[in-house]
Amino acid sequence: MNFDDVILNRRSIRGYKPDPVPRALIEEIIALAMRAPSSMNTQPWSFYIITGEPLDRIRAGNTERNLAGVPHSREFRTGEPFTGKHRDRQVGVAKQLFSAMGIAREDKDMRQDWVLRGFRQFDAPVCVIVTYDRELASSDDTPFDCGAVATALVNAAWSRGLGTVINSQGIMQSPVVREHAGIADDQIIMKSIALGWPDETFPANAVVSERKSIEEATVFVGFVD
C-alpha cells in the first residue's frame, strides 16, 4: 500500500473481528510510529499494549463505573465543550454514524449502548494506551508530539491491514486503566487507541468523515499564480 492510499483510504474503525493480533506485527507498527517527529527529539511517549484478560478487566471496570455514575477522571486536560463550526462537525459525524447503525434519535437504549462501546474500547482485541512522561506535564509541545506519534501509529496499522480508532472514552476512568495496565507513576495517560482486524460487516466502519476543503483550511502568502 503506497502512502497516498494509506492517507486517503484510512478511516476510523469501530467494529472488530475477535481474531488476535500478533505481537510481532504490533511491534513493527510501533517501530514505524516512533519515527514521528517530536520537539527537539524529546520522544515523550510510551505505549501500553493491552489484550486478553487485562483488557477485559478494563472494559468491565469502565462500564461499571460509568453506569454507576462515577465522574470521569481523565488525566490529560479535557477542555471546554466544542462550539460553533467545531460542534457542527462533531454532530455531523455522529449523525453519519447513527444513520449507518440505524440508531434513532429517540432510542435512548441504543444511544447508550453506542456510548458504552467507546468505554469498552469498541470491543477491539487490542488497546494501545498512549502515555507521556510526567516530568513534561507543563510542556506545550508534548501533547502535539503525542498526536504526531498517534497519527503515525494509526497510519502504520492501516498499511498492514489493521484498523484503529483514537478515542478518549477508553481512558475516562483512568484509575481502572492505570490499575489493570500497570501504568507507571511517572507516566500521564494521554489517549487510547483501539486496534484490530476490521469487521467489514459492521455498518459504522463504512462511514467516511467529511473534510474541509483546501480553500477553507489554507492561506497562501507570497505565491504568484
Protein backbone atom coordinates (compact mmCIF):
# COMPACT_ATOMS: atom_id res chain seq x y z
CA MET A 1 0.00 0.00 0.00
CA ASN A 2 1.56 3.31 -1.01
CA PHE A 3 1.50 6.46 1.09
CA ASP A 4 -1.37 8.15 -0.74
CA ASP A 5 -3.54 5.02 -0.44
CA VAL A 6 -2.97 4.91 3.32
CA ILE A 7 -3.81 8.58 3.85
CA LEU A 8 -6.82 8.67 1.54
CA ASN A 9 -8.39 5.35 2.50
CA ARG A 10 -7.77 5.14 6.24
CA ARG A 11 -10.87 5.61 8.35
CA SER A 12 -11.84 5.09 11.97
CA ILE A 13 -12.86 1.51 12.71
CA ARG A 14 -15.44 0.95 15.44
CA GLY A 15 -16.22 -2.75 14.89
CA TYR A 16 -13.61 -5.51 15.01
CA LYS A 17 -13.18 -9.21 14.42
CA PRO A 18 -12.23 -11.11 17.60
CA ASP A 19 -9.08 -12.52 15.96
CA PRO A 20 -5.87 -11.82 17.91
CA VAL A 21 -3.19 -9.52 16.53
CA PRO A 22 0.35 -10.97 16.59
CA ARG A 23 2.72 -9.21 18.97
CA ALA A 24 5.44 -9.10 16.30
CA LEU A 25 3.12 -7.16 13.99
CA ILE A 26 2.29 -4.65 16.73
CA GLU A 27 5.99 -4.17 17.45
CA GLU A 28 6.57 -3.47 13.76
CA ILE A 29 3.81 -0.85 13.78
CA ILE A 30 5.11 0.81 16.95
CA ALA A 31 8.63 0.94 15.50
CA LEU A 32 7.28 2.75 12.42
CA ALA A 33 5.15 5.12 14.52
CA MET A 34 8.13 6.17 16.61
CA ARG A 35 9.74 7.71 13.53
CA ALA A 36 7.24 10.54 14.07
CA PRO A 37 8.78 13.96 14.78
CA SER A 38 8.93 15.37 18.28
CA SER A 39 10.12 18.65 19.72
CA MET A 40 13.93 18.60 19.96
CA ASN A 41 13.69 14.79 19.67
CA THR A 42 12.27 14.54 23.20
CA GLN A 43 10.16 11.49 22.26
CA PRO A 44 7.90 11.91 25.32
CA TRP A 45 5.65 8.95 24.52
CA SER A 46 5.27 5.43 25.88
CA PHE A 47 2.80 2.73 24.84
CA TYR A 48 0.95 0.17 26.95
CA ILE A 49 -0.36 -2.54 24.64
CA ILE A 50 -3.19 -4.48 26.31
CA THR A 51 -5.09 -7.58 25.27
CA GLY A 52 -6.77 -10.64 26.77
CA GLU A 53 -7.88 -10.74 30.41
CA PRO A 54 -6.35 -7.39 31.48
CA LEU A 55 -8.27 -5.65 28.68
CA ASP A 56 -11.46 -7.45 29.69
CA ARG A 57 -11.00 -6.13 33.24
CA ILE A 58 -10.59 -2.60 31.93
CA ARG A 59 -13.74 -2.94 29.81
CA ALA A 60 -15.71 -4.21 32.79
CA GLY A 61 -14.38 -1.56 35.17
CA ASN A 62 -15.04 1.28 32.73
CA THR A 63 -18.57 0.07 32.08
CA GLU A 64 -19.44 -0.49 35.74
CA ARG A 65 -18.15 2.91 36.85
CA ASN A 66 -19.94 4.75 34.05
CA LEU A 67 -23.26 3.00 34.64
CA ALA A 68 -22.87 3.79 38.34
CA GLY A 69 -22.44 7.48 37.53
CA VAL A 70 -18.83 7.73 38.73
CA PRO A 71 -17.45 11.08 37.48
CA HIS A 72 -14.89 10.90 34.70
CA SER A 73 -11.26 11.17 35.78
CA ARG A 74 -9.28 11.74 32.60
CA GLU A 75 -5.68 12.65 33.40
CA PHE A 76 -4.97 14.84 30.38
CA ARG A 77 -6.98 18.06 30.42
CA THR A 78 -10.45 17.81 28.92
CA GLY A 79 -11.01 21.45 27.98
CA GLU A 80 -14.29 23.17 27.18
CA PRO A 81 -17.02 21.58 25.03
CA PHE A 82 -16.86 22.30 21.30
CA THR A 83 -18.93 25.20 19.99
CA GLY A 84 -19.73 26.77 16.64
CA LYS A 85 -18.44 25.09 13.49
CA HIS A 86 -16.40 22.60 15.53
CA ARG A 87 -19.51 21.45 17.34
CA ASP A 88 -21.26 21.25 13.97
CA ARG A 89 -18.60 18.85 12.69
CA GLN A 90 -18.84 16.77 15.87
CA VAL A 91 -22.61 16.50 15.48
CA GLY A 92 -22.23 15.82 11.76
CA VAL A 93 -20.08 12.73 12.17
CA ALA A 94 -22.35 11.50 14.98
CA LYS A 95 -25.32 11.74 12.62
CA GLN A 96 -23.38 9.77 9.98
CA LEU A 97 -22.59 7.03 12.49
CA PHE A 98 -26.09 6.83 13.97
CA SER A 99 -27.59 6.69 10.50
CA ALA A 100 -25.25 3.87 9.47
CA MET A 101 -26.09 1.93 12.64
CA GLY A 102 -29.84 2.60 12.41
CA ILE A 103 -29.91 4.37 15.79
CA ALA A 104 -32.94 6.65 16.02
CA ARG A 105 -32.66 9.96 17.86
CA GLU A 106 -35.28 8.89 20.42
CA ASP A 107 -33.76 5.43 21.01
CA LYS A 108 -32.02 6.07 24.34
CA ASP A 109 -31.02 2.44 24.89
CA MET A 110 -29.25 2.14 21.54
CA ARG A 111 -27.57 5.50 22.01
CA GLN A 112 -26.31 4.49 25.44
CA ASP A 113 -25.04 1.18 24.08
CA TRP A 114 -23.15 3.09 21.41
CA VAL A 115 -21.51 5.31 24.03
CA LEU A 116 -20.58 2.27 26.13
CA ARG A 117 -18.83 0.74 23.11
CA GLY A 118 -16.27 3.50 23.48
CA PHE A 119 -15.72 2.69 27.13
CA ARG A 120 -15.25 -0.97 26.08
CA GLN A 121 -12.54 0.06 23.61
CA PHE A 122 -15.01 -0.73 20.82
CA ASP A 123 -14.60 -4.44 21.67
CA ALA A 124 -11.28 -4.47 19.82
CA PRO A 125 -8.86 -7.30 20.63
CA VAL A 126 -6.07 -4.82 21.42
CA CYS A 127 -5.95 -1.45 23.15
CA VAL A 128 -2.97 0.89 22.93
CA ILE A 129 -2.69 3.40 25.77
CA VAL A 130 -0.50 6.36 24.84
CA THR A 131 1.19 7.98 27.84
CA TYR A 132 3.79 10.70 28.25
CA ASP A 133 6.49 11.43 30.78
CA ARG A 134 5.11 13.24 33.83
CA GLU A 135 8.17 15.50 34.02
CA LEU A 136 6.96 17.06 30.74
CA ALA A 137 3.45 17.76 32.07
CA SER A 138 3.89 21.53 31.68
CA SER A 139 5.27 21.32 28.14
CA ASP A 140 3.04 22.71 25.39
CA ASP A 141 4.92 20.65 22.80
CA THR A 142 4.32 17.27 24.41
CA PRO A 143 0.59 16.90 23.51
CA PHE A 144 1.46 17.90 19.94
CA ASP A 145 4.19 15.24 19.84
CA CYS A 146 1.82 12.58 21.19
CA GLY A 147 -0.66 13.50 18.48
CA ALA A 148 2.04 13.06 15.86
CA VAL A 149 3.01 9.60 17.09
CA ALA A 150 -0.66 8.54 17.36
CA THR A 151 -1.26 9.63 13.76
CA ALA A 152 1.79 7.70 12.61
CA LEU A 153 0.59 4.65 14.54
CA VAL A 154 -2.89 4.54 13.02
CA ASN A 155 -1.48 5.02 9.52
CA ALA A 156 1.14 2.31 10.02
CA ALA A 157 -1.57 -0.05 11.28
CA TRP A 158 -3.79 0.67 8.27
CA SER A 159 -0.91 -0.01 5.88
CA ARG A 160 -0.77 -3.52 7.31
CA GLY A 161 -4.48 -4.26 7.14
CA LEU A 162 -5.34 -3.32 10.71
CA GLY A 163 -7.99 -0.84 11.80
CA THR A 164 -7.88 1.67 14.65
CA VAL A 165 -9.85 4.41 16.28
CA ILE A 166 -8.30 7.04 18.53
CA ASN A 167 -10.62 7.69 21.45
CA SER A 168 -10.89 9.27 24.87
CA GLN A 169 -13.75 7.21 26.29
CA GLY A 170 -11.40 4.32 26.98
CA ILE A 171 -9.32 6.38 29.40
CA MET A 172 -12.06 8.48 31.01
CA GLN A 173 -11.95 6.18 34.05
CA SER A 174 -8.20 6.47 34.44
CA PRO A 175 -7.87 4.62 37.80
CA VAL A 176 -9.26 1.48 36.14
CA VAL A 177 -6.85 1.74 33.21
CA ARG A 178 -3.88 2.57 35.43
CA GLU A 179 -4.53 -0.39 37.72
CA HIS A 180 -5.08 -3.12 35.15
CA ALA A 181 -2.50 -1.89 32.63
CA GLY A 182 0.12 -1.41 35.34
CA ILE A 183 0.91 2.12 34.20
CA ALA A 184 3.97 3.56 35.90
CA ASP A 185 3.61 6.52 38.25
CA ASP A 186 5.94 8.63 36.11
CA GLN A 187 3.50 8.44 33.19
CA ILE A 188 0.40 10.50 32.42
CA ILE A 189 -2.36 8.79 30.42
CA MET A 190 -2.98 10.70 27.20
CA LYS A 191 -5.19 8.69 24.81
CA SER A 192 -6.36 5.20 23.95
CA ILE A 193 -6.33 3.60 20.52
CA ALA A 194 -8.46 0.55 19.75
CA LEU A 195 -6.69 -1.76 17.31
CA GLY A 196 -7.62 -4.95 15.47
CA TRP A 197 -8.79 -6.53 12.24
CA PRO A 198 -11.75 -4.55 10.80
CA ASP A 199 -15.13 -6.27 10.70
CA GLU A 200 -16.29 -5.26 7.23
CA THR A 201 -19.88 -6.25 8.08
CA PHE A 202 -20.09 -3.61 10.84
CA PRO A 203 -22.08 -0.71 9.32
CA ALA A 204 -20.24 2.16 11.03
CA ASN A 205 -16.95 1.02 9.51
CA ALA A 206 -18.16 2.23 6.11
CA VAL A 207 -18.54 5.81 7.37
CA VAL A 208 -16.04 8.25 5.88
CA SER A 209 -15.99 11.54 7.76
CA GLU A 210 -16.01 14.75 5.79
CA ARG A 211 -13.01 17.06 5.44
CA LYS A 212 -12.71 20.80 4.98
CA SER A 213 -11.75 21.99 1.53
CA ILE A 214 -8.31 23.36 0.67
CA GLU A 215 -9.93 26.80 0.35
CA GLU A 216 -11.34 26.62 3.89
CA ALA A 217 -8.17 25.32 5.51
CA THR A 218 -5.32 27.20 3.85
CA VAL A 219 -3.95 30.70 3.36
CA PHE A 220 -1.27 31.05 0.68
CA VAL A 221 1.07 34.02 1.16
CA GLY A 222 3.57 35.30 -1.41
CA PHE A 223 2.61 32.92 -4.20
CA VAL A 224 2.15 34.16 -7.76
CA ASP A 225 -0.47 32.33 -9.81
